[in-house]
Amino acid sequence: MTITRGDVVNIAHISEITGKYSELAARLALLANGWTVHQSETDEAYDVLAQDPVTGDYARIQVKTIRQRNDRGGDLVVYAKKGNGTTYDLADADYIIGVWNNAGEVPRVFMFENRCLTEYWCGEARAAERWVELSLALNREIYTETAADPEIPNAA
């Protein structure tokens, strides 16, 4: 079966599909950059629990889809509100990941600290400066560097 642009597909609402797509892109970007990503068996206030590859600390991460506001000069915005309209406090999420899905392009994934705001704005040109952009490309060196290091006990 082939689905074309003109076909109407009765599946989940587009906002749910977009949200799940963004969450999967965020998980992929975290894995590609050395984070250990955990899957919860229960619904939590955060979308992703991940372990920082450098510090070993765990971080609760809320994933949101980035929107581009043409009425604001093309600025990128992350709407960081819970379903009830309140902000994510630090008990809910340590970091926010925004995923920018431009039609037909590979998504761009940006991570930044949760400052308990309802919106995070940034110009497209400055996004990579203000927010940490996580590549989707797997960096295998992260995973093989320690394994081959003779200075580290039990390596190799």
N, C-alpha and C. Protein backbone atom coordinates (compact mmCIF):
# COMPACT_ATOMS: atom_id res chain seq x y z
N MET A 1 0.84 -1.17 0.00
CA MET A 1 0.00 0.00 0.00
C MET A 1 0.89 1.23 0.00
N THR A 2 0.58 2.15 -0.88
CA THR A 2 1.32 3.40 -0.96
C THR A 2 0.40 4.56 -0.59
N ILE A 3 0.87 5.41 0.30
CA ILE A 3 0.09 6.59 0.69
C ILE A 3 0.68 7.79 -0.03
N THR A 4 -0.17 8.52 -0.72
CA THR A 4 0.29 9.72 -1.42
C THR A 4 -0.23 10.95 -0.70
N ARG A 5 0.24 12.13 -1.13
CA ARG A 5 -0.16 13.39 -0.50
C ARG A 5 -1.66 13.62 -0.47
N GLY A 6 -2.38 13.17 -1.47
CA GLY A 6 -3.81 13.41 -1.54
C GLY A 6 -4.63 12.48 -0.67
N ASP A 7 -4.01 11.40 -0.18
CA ASP A 7 -4.73 10.43 0.63
C ASP A 7 -5.00 10.99 2.03
N VAL A 8 -6.16 10.69 2.55
CA VAL A 8 -6.51 11.05 3.92
C VAL A 8 -6.31 9.79 4.76
N VAL A 9 -5.54 9.91 5.81
CA VAL A 9 -5.24 8.77 6.65
C VAL A 9 -5.91 8.98 8.00
N ASN A 10 -6.69 8.01 8.45
CA ASN A 10 -7.33 8.10 9.74
C ASN A 10 -6.40 7.52 10.81
N ILE A 11 -5.56 8.39 11.33
CA ILE A 11 -4.64 8.01 12.39
C ILE A 11 -4.72 9.06 13.48
N ALA A 12 -3.85 8.98 14.43
CA ALA A 12 -3.85 9.92 15.56
C ALA A 12 -3.79 11.36 15.07
N HIS A 13 -4.25 12.24 15.91
CA HIS A 13 -4.26 13.67 15.61
C HIS A 13 -2.84 14.15 15.27
N ILE A 14 -2.72 15.08 14.35
CA ILE A 14 -1.41 15.54 13.87
C ILE A 14 -0.55 16.09 15.00
N SER A 15 -1.15 16.75 16.01
CA SER A 15 -0.33 17.28 17.10
C SER A 15 0.27 16.15 17.93
N GLU A 16 -0.45 15.02 18.05
CA GLU A 16 0.10 13.87 18.77
C GLU A 16 1.25 13.26 17.97
N ILE A 17 1.07 13.12 16.67
CA ILE A 17 2.12 12.58 15.81
C ILE A 17 3.36 13.47 15.87
N THR A 18 3.17 14.78 15.76
CA THR A 18 4.29 15.72 15.81
C THR A 18 5.00 15.63 17.15
N GLY A 19 4.24 15.55 18.23
CA GLY A 19 4.84 15.43 19.56
C GLY A 19 5.67 14.17 19.72
N LYS A 20 5.13 13.05 19.28
CA LYS A 20 5.88 11.78 19.36
C LYS A 20 7.12 11.82 18.47
N TYR A 21 6.98 12.39 17.29
CA TYR A 21 8.13 12.53 16.38
C TYR A 21 9.22 13.36 17.06
N SER A 22 8.84 14.48 17.67
CA SER A 22 9.81 15.34 18.36
C SER A 22 10.48 14.59 19.50
N GLU A 23 9.71 13.83 20.25
CA GLU A 23 10.29 13.09 21.37
C GLU A 23 11.28 12.04 20.88
N LEU A 24 10.94 11.34 19.81
CA LEU A 24 11.87 10.35 19.25
C LEU A 24 13.15 11.01 18.71
N ALA A 25 13.00 12.17 18.06
CA ALA A 25 14.18 12.91 17.58
C ALA A 25 15.05 13.34 18.75
N ALA A 26 14.43 13.79 19.84
CA ALA A 26 15.19 14.20 21.03
C ALA A 26 15.95 13.01 21.63
N ARG A 27 15.28 11.87 21.74
CA ARG A 27 15.93 10.67 22.27
C ARG A 27 17.10 10.26 21.38
N LEU A 28 16.89 10.29 20.07
CA LEU A 28 17.95 9.95 19.12
C LEU A 28 19.15 10.90 19.27
N ALA A 29 18.89 12.19 19.38
CA ALA A 29 19.97 13.17 19.52
C ALA A 29 20.73 12.96 20.83
N LEU A 30 20.02 12.67 21.90
CA LEU A 30 20.70 12.41 23.18
C LEU A 30 21.60 11.18 23.06
N LEU A 31 21.07 10.09 22.49
CA LEU A 31 21.87 8.87 22.31
C LEU A 31 23.09 9.13 21.43
N ALA A 32 22.91 9.87 20.35
CA ALA A 32 24.00 10.16 19.43
C ALA A 32 25.11 10.97 20.09
N ASN A 33 24.76 11.68 21.17
CA ASN A 33 25.73 12.52 21.86
C ASN A 33 26.19 11.94 23.19
N GLY A 34 25.99 10.65 23.39
CA GLY A 34 26.57 9.95 24.52
C GLY A 34 25.70 9.83 25.76
N TRP A 35 24.50 10.40 25.74
CA TRP A 35 23.61 10.30 26.89
C TRP A 35 23.03 8.88 26.96
N THR A 36 22.77 8.40 28.17
CA THR A 36 22.05 7.17 28.36
C THR A 36 20.59 7.55 28.57
N VAL A 37 19.71 7.06 27.73
CA VAL A 37 18.30 7.44 27.75
C VAL A 37 17.48 6.31 28.37
N HIS A 38 16.61 6.67 29.31
CA HIS A 38 15.80 5.69 30.03
C HIS A 38 14.34 5.77 29.59
N GLN A 39 13.68 4.65 29.63
CA GLN A 39 12.27 4.55 29.29
C GLN A 39 11.48 4.29 30.56
N SER A 40 10.51 5.14 30.86
CA SER A 40 9.69 4.98 32.05
C SER A 40 8.49 4.08 31.75
N GLU A 41 8.14 3.26 32.70
CA GLU A 41 6.96 2.41 32.57
C GLU A 41 5.69 3.16 32.96
N THR A 42 5.84 4.32 33.59
CA THR A 42 4.69 5.12 34.03
C THR A 42 4.78 6.51 33.42
N ASP A 43 3.65 7.20 33.33
CA ASP A 43 3.66 8.58 32.85
C ASP A 43 4.28 9.47 33.91
N GLU A 44 5.16 10.34 33.48
CA GLU A 44 5.86 11.26 34.37
C GLU A 44 5.63 12.68 33.89
N ALA A 45 6.01 13.67 34.71
CA ALA A 45 5.90 15.08 34.32
C ALA A 45 6.87 15.40 33.20
N TYR A 46 7.98 14.68 33.12
CA TYR A 46 8.98 14.88 32.08
C TYR A 46 8.77 13.85 30.97
N ASP A 47 9.36 14.12 29.80
CA ASP A 47 9.25 13.18 28.69
C ASP A 47 10.39 12.17 28.66
N VAL A 48 11.58 12.62 29.08
CA VAL A 48 12.78 11.78 28.98
C VAL A 48 13.59 11.90 30.26
N LEU A 49 14.08 10.77 30.75
CA LEU A 49 15.06 10.75 31.82
C LEU A 49 16.35 10.27 31.18
N ALA A 50 17.42 11.06 31.32
CA ALA A 50 18.67 10.70 30.65
C ALA A 50 19.85 10.98 31.57
N GLN A 51 20.92 10.22 31.38
CA GLN A 51 22.12 10.38 32.18
C GLN A 51 23.19 11.09 31.37
N ASP A 52 23.71 12.18 31.93
CA ASP A 52 24.74 13.00 31.29
C ASP A 52 26.02 12.17 31.12
N PRO A 53 26.60 12.12 29.93
CA PRO A 53 27.79 11.31 29.71
C PRO A 53 29.04 11.85 30.41
N VAL A 54 29.06 13.12 30.75
CA VAL A 54 30.24 13.72 31.37
C VAL A 54 30.17 13.63 32.89
N THR A 55 29.06 14.07 33.47
CA THR A 55 28.95 14.14 34.93
C THR A 55 28.35 12.88 35.54
N GLY A 56 27.59 12.13 34.76
CA GLY A 56 26.89 10.97 35.31
C GLY A 56 25.58 11.34 35.98
N ASP A 57 25.26 12.64 36.02
CA ASP A 57 24.02 13.10 36.64
C ASP A 57 22.83 12.74 35.76
N TYR A 58 21.69 12.52 36.40
CA TYR A 58 20.45 12.27 35.69
C TYR A 58 19.73 13.59 35.48
N ALA A 59 19.08 13.72 34.35
CA ALA A 59 18.33 14.94 34.02
C ALA A 59 16.94 14.56 33.55
N ARG A 60 15.95 15.30 34.06
CA ARG A 60 14.57 15.18 33.58
C ARG A 60 14.41 16.20 32.46
N ILE A 61 13.94 15.72 31.32
CA ILE A 61 13.88 16.56 30.12
C ILE A 61 12.45 16.59 29.57
N GLN A 62 11.99 17.81 29.31
CA GLN A 62 10.69 18.00 28.67
C GLN A 62 10.95 18.32 27.20
N VAL A 63 10.27 17.65 26.30
CA VAL A 63 10.46 17.83 24.86
C VAL A 63 9.29 18.62 24.29
N LYS A 64 9.62 19.63 23.50
CA LYS A 64 8.60 20.45 22.85
C LYS A 64 8.99 20.64 21.38
N THR A 65 7.99 20.86 20.55
CA THR A 65 8.22 21.15 19.14
C THR A 65 8.41 22.65 18.97
N ILE A 66 9.45 23.04 18.27
CA ILE A 66 9.72 24.46 18.01
C ILE A 66 8.81 24.94 16.89
N ARG A 67 8.27 26.11 17.06
CA ARG A 67 7.46 26.76 16.02
C ARG A 67 8.22 27.98 15.52
N GLN A 68 8.10 28.28 14.25
CA GLN A 68 8.71 29.49 13.69
C GLN A 68 7.62 30.53 13.52
N ARG A 69 7.82 31.69 14.12
CA ARG A 69 6.82 32.77 14.10
C ARG A 69 7.16 33.77 13.01
N ASN A 70 6.52 33.66 11.88
CA ASN A 70 6.76 34.59 10.78
C ASN A 70 6.30 36.00 11.13
N ASP A 71 5.31 36.11 12.02
CA ASP A 71 4.86 37.44 12.44
C ASP A 71 5.85 38.10 13.41
N ARG A 72 6.89 37.38 13.81
CA ARG A 72 7.93 37.90 14.70
C ARG A 72 9.29 37.83 14.01
N GLY A 73 9.32 38.03 12.73
CA GLY A 73 10.59 38.04 12.00
C GLY A 73 11.23 36.67 11.84
N GLY A 74 10.43 35.62 11.94
CA GLY A 74 10.97 34.28 11.77
C GLY A 74 11.58 33.70 13.03
N ASP A 75 11.38 34.36 14.19
CA ASP A 75 11.93 33.84 15.43
C ASP A 75 11.41 32.44 15.72
N LEU A 76 12.23 31.66 16.40
CA LEU A 76 11.84 30.33 16.83
C LEU A 76 11.30 30.44 18.24
N VAL A 77 10.24 29.71 18.53
CA VAL A 77 9.64 29.76 19.86
C VAL A 77 9.32 28.35 20.33
N VAL A 78 9.60 28.13 21.62
CA VAL A 78 9.24 26.90 22.29
C VAL A 78 8.18 27.27 23.32
N TYR A 79 6.97 26.75 23.14
CA TYR A 79 5.91 26.97 24.10
C TYR A 79 6.06 25.89 25.17
N ALA A 80 6.44 26.30 26.37
CA ALA A 80 6.77 25.34 27.43
C ALA A 80 5.73 25.40 28.55
N LYS A 81 4.51 25.02 28.20
CA LYS A 81 3.43 24.98 29.18
C LYS A 81 2.92 23.55 29.31
N LYS A 82 2.51 23.23 30.52
CA LYS A 82 1.85 21.95 30.76
C LYS A 82 0.44 22.03 30.19
N GLY A 83 -0.24 20.91 30.16
CA GLY A 83 -1.61 20.86 29.66
C GLY A 83 -2.56 21.81 30.38
N ASN A 84 -2.26 22.12 31.65
CA ASN A 84 -3.12 23.03 32.42
C ASN A 84 -2.71 24.50 32.29
N GLY A 85 -1.71 24.78 31.41
CA GLY A 85 -1.29 26.15 31.15
C GLY A 85 -0.21 26.70 32.06
N THR A 86 0.23 25.92 33.04
CA THR A 86 1.28 26.39 33.95
C THR A 86 2.66 26.03 33.41
N THR A 87 3.69 26.65 33.98
CA THR A 87 5.06 26.39 33.55
C THR A 87 5.56 25.07 34.14
N TYR A 88 6.60 24.55 33.53
CA TYR A 88 7.30 23.40 34.09
C TYR A 88 8.25 23.94 35.14
N ASP A 89 8.05 23.55 36.40
CA ASP A 89 8.99 24.00 37.42
C ASP A 89 10.16 23.02 37.47
N LEU A 90 11.13 23.31 38.32
CA LEU A 90 12.35 22.49 38.34
C LEU A 90 12.11 21.08 38.88
N ALA A 91 11.00 20.87 39.56
CA ALA A 91 10.66 19.51 39.99
C ALA A 91 10.14 18.69 38.81
N ASP A 92 9.66 19.37 37.77
CA ASP A 92 9.14 18.70 36.58
C ASP A 92 10.23 18.38 35.56
N ALA A 93 11.11 19.35 35.32
CA ALA A 93 12.12 19.19 34.27
C ALA A 93 13.34 20.06 34.55
N ASP A 94 14.52 19.48 34.34
CA ASP A 94 15.78 20.21 34.47
C ASP A 94 16.11 20.94 33.17
N TYR A 95 15.76 20.29 32.06
CA TYR A 95 16.08 20.83 30.73
C TYR A 95 14.84 20.77 29.84
N ILE A 96 14.87 21.64 28.84
CA ILE A 96 13.87 21.62 27.77
C ILE A 96 14.63 21.27 26.49
N ILE A 97 14.07 20.39 25.70
CA ILE A 97 14.59 20.13 24.36
C ILE A 97 13.53 20.60 23.38
N GLY A 98 13.95 21.46 22.46
CA GLY A 98 13.08 21.92 21.39
C GLY A 98 13.50 21.25 20.10
N VAL A 99 12.54 20.71 19.38
CA VAL A 99 12.82 20.05 18.10
C VAL A 99 12.15 20.85 17.00
N TRP A 100 12.97 21.28 16.04
CA TRP A 100 12.48 22.08 14.93
C TRP A 100 12.32 21.18 13.72
N ASN A 101 11.08 20.97 13.30
CA ASN A 101 10.75 20.09 12.18
C ASN A 101 10.38 20.92 10.96
N ASN A 102 11.34 21.30 10.15
CA ASN A 102 11.04 21.96 8.88
C ASN A 102 10.64 20.90 7.87
N ALA A 103 9.57 21.14 7.17
CA ALA A 103 9.06 20.16 6.21
C ALA A 103 10.15 19.71 5.24
N GLY A 104 10.33 18.40 5.14
CA GLY A 104 11.27 17.83 4.19
C GLY A 104 12.72 17.89 4.61
N GLU A 105 13.01 18.39 5.81
CA GLU A 105 14.40 18.49 6.28
C GLU A 105 14.61 17.61 7.51
N VAL A 106 15.86 17.32 7.78
CA VAL A 106 16.22 16.59 9.00
C VAL A 106 15.93 17.53 10.18
N PRO A 107 15.29 17.03 11.23
CA PRO A 107 14.99 17.92 12.36
C PRO A 107 16.25 18.43 13.04
N ARG A 108 16.14 19.63 13.61
CA ARG A 108 17.22 20.19 14.42
C ARG A 108 16.78 20.14 15.87
N VAL A 109 17.70 19.73 16.74
CA VAL A 109 17.39 19.50 18.14
C VAL A 109 18.22 20.45 19.00
N PHE A 110 17.53 21.23 19.84
CA PHE A 110 18.19 22.21 20.71
C PHE A 110 17.84 21.91 22.16
N MET A 111 18.83 22.02 23.04
CA MET A 111 18.64 21.74 24.46
C MET A 111 19.05 22.96 25.27
N PHE A 112 18.28 23.29 26.30
CA PHE A 112 18.62 24.41 27.17
C PHE A 112 18.02 24.18 28.55
N GLU A 113 18.55 24.90 29.53
CA GLU A 113 18.07 24.75 30.90
C GLU A 113 16.65 25.27 31.04
N ASN A 114 15.90 24.60 31.89
CA ASN A 114 14.55 25.04 32.22
C ASN A 114 14.68 26.26 33.14
N ARG A 115 14.17 27.40 32.69
CA ARG A 115 14.18 28.62 33.50
C ARG A 115 12.78 28.95 33.98
N CYS A 116 11.90 27.96 33.92
CA CYS A 116 10.51 28.08 34.40
C CYS A 116 9.74 29.18 33.68
N LEU A 117 9.97 29.30 32.37
CA LEU A 117 9.25 30.25 31.54
C LEU A 117 8.18 29.52 30.74
N THR A 118 7.17 30.25 30.28
CA THR A 118 6.15 29.62 29.45
C THR A 118 6.54 29.62 27.98
N GLU A 119 7.48 30.52 27.60
CA GLU A 119 7.94 30.58 26.21
C GLU A 119 9.43 30.89 26.19
N TYR A 120 10.13 30.27 25.26
CA TYR A 120 11.55 30.52 25.02
C TYR A 120 11.67 30.96 23.56
N TRP A 121 12.22 32.17 23.34
CA TRP A 121 12.33 32.75 22.00
C TRP A 121 13.79 32.84 21.59
N CYS A 122 14.01 32.75 20.30
CA CYS A 122 15.36 32.92 19.77
C CYS A 122 15.28 33.14 18.26
N GLY A 123 16.11 34.04 17.75
CA GLY A 123 16.20 34.20 16.31
C GLY A 123 16.89 32.99 15.70
N GLU A 124 16.48 32.62 14.51
CA GLU A 124 17.05 31.44 13.85
C GLU A 124 18.56 31.51 13.75
N ALA A 125 19.10 32.69 13.42
CA ALA A 125 20.54 32.85 13.25
C ALA A 125 21.30 32.66 14.56
N ARG A 126 20.66 32.92 15.69
CA ARG A 126 21.34 32.83 16.99
C ARG A 126 21.01 31.56 17.76
N ALA A 127 20.15 30.72 17.21
CA ALA A 127 19.70 29.53 17.94
C ALA A 127 20.87 28.65 18.39
N ALA A 128 21.82 28.38 17.51
CA ALA A 128 22.95 27.52 17.86
C ALA A 128 23.90 28.19 18.85
N GLU A 129 23.83 29.52 18.99
CA GLU A 129 24.65 30.24 19.97
C GLU A 129 23.98 30.24 21.35
N ARG A 130 22.67 30.47 21.38
CA ARG A 130 21.95 30.59 22.66
C ARG A 130 21.58 29.24 23.25
N TRP A 131 21.27 28.29 22.40
CA TRP A 131 20.87 26.96 22.84
C TRP A 131 21.92 25.96 22.38
N VAL A 132 22.04 24.83 23.05
CA VAL A 132 22.97 23.78 22.64
C VAL A 132 22.29 22.93 21.58
N GLU A 133 22.89 22.90 20.38
CA GLU A 133 22.32 22.07 19.32
C GLU A 133 22.92 20.68 19.39
N LEU A 134 22.06 19.68 19.45
CA LEU A 134 22.50 18.29 19.50
C LEU A 134 22.38 17.68 18.12
N SER A 135 23.48 17.17 17.62
CA SER A 135 23.49 16.53 16.31
C SER A 135 22.74 15.20 16.37
N LEU A 136 22.12 14.85 15.27
CA LEU A 136 21.50 13.53 15.16
C LEU A 136 22.48 12.48 14.67
N ALA A 137 23.65 12.92 14.21
CA ALA A 137 24.66 11.99 13.70
C ALA A 137 25.34 11.27 14.87
N LEU A 138 25.42 9.96 14.79
CA LEU A 138 26.04 9.17 15.84
C LEU A 138 27.54 9.43 15.89
N ASN A 139 28.02 9.84 17.04
CA ASN A 139 29.45 10.05 17.25
C ASN A 139 30.00 8.79 17.92
N ARG A 140 30.47 7.84 17.12
CA ARG A 140 30.95 6.56 17.64
C ARG A 140 32.17 6.71 18.53
N GLU A 141 32.95 7.78 18.35
CA GLU A 141 34.14 8.00 19.17
C GLU A 141 33.79 8.14 20.64
N ILE A 142 32.63 8.68 20.94
CA ILE A 142 32.20 8.81 22.33
C ILE A 142 32.16 7.44 22.99
N TYR A 143 31.72 6.44 22.24
CA TYR A 143 31.52 5.12 22.80
C TYR A 143 32.76 4.24 22.74
N THR A 144 33.72 4.56 21.87
CA THR A 144 34.89 3.70 21.73
C THR A 144 36.13 4.27 22.41
N GLU A 145 36.13 5.55 22.72
CA GLU A 145 37.29 6.19 23.33
C GLU A 145 37.67 5.52 24.64
N THR A 146 36.72 5.32 25.56
CA THR A 146 37.02 4.73 26.84
C THR A 146 37.34 3.24 26.71
N ALA A 147 36.67 2.58 25.78
CA ALA A 147 36.87 1.15 25.64
C ALA A 147 38.29 0.81 25.21
N ALA A 148 38.95 1.69 24.48
CA ALA A 148 40.30 1.43 23.99
C ALA A 148 41.39 2.06 24.85
N ASP A 149 41.05 2.80 25.90
CA ASP A 149 42.02 3.52 26.71
C ASP A 149 42.65 2.60 27.74
N PRO A 150 43.98 2.32 27.62
CA PRO A 150 44.64 1.40 28.57
C PRO A 150 44.76 1.98 29.98
N GLU A 151 44.58 3.29 30.14
CA GLU A 151 44.66 3.93 31.45
C GLU A 151 43.42 3.65 32.30
N ILE A 152 42.35 3.24 31.69
CA ILE A 152 41.09 3.03 32.40
C ILE A 152 40.97 1.54 32.74
N PRO A 153 40.80 1.21 34.04
CA PRO A 153 40.66 -0.19 34.42
C PRO A 153 39.46 -0.84 33.72
N ASN A 154 39.62 -2.10 33.35
CA ASN A 154 38.58 -2.90 32.68
C ASN A 154 38.22 -2.38 31.29
N ALA A 155 39.03 -1.47 30.73
CA ALA A 155 38.76 -1.00 29.36
C ALA A 155 39.32 -2.03 28.39
N ALA A 156 38.69 -2.17 27.27
CA ALA A 156 39.07 -3.05 26.17
C ALA A 156 38.71 -4.44 26.39
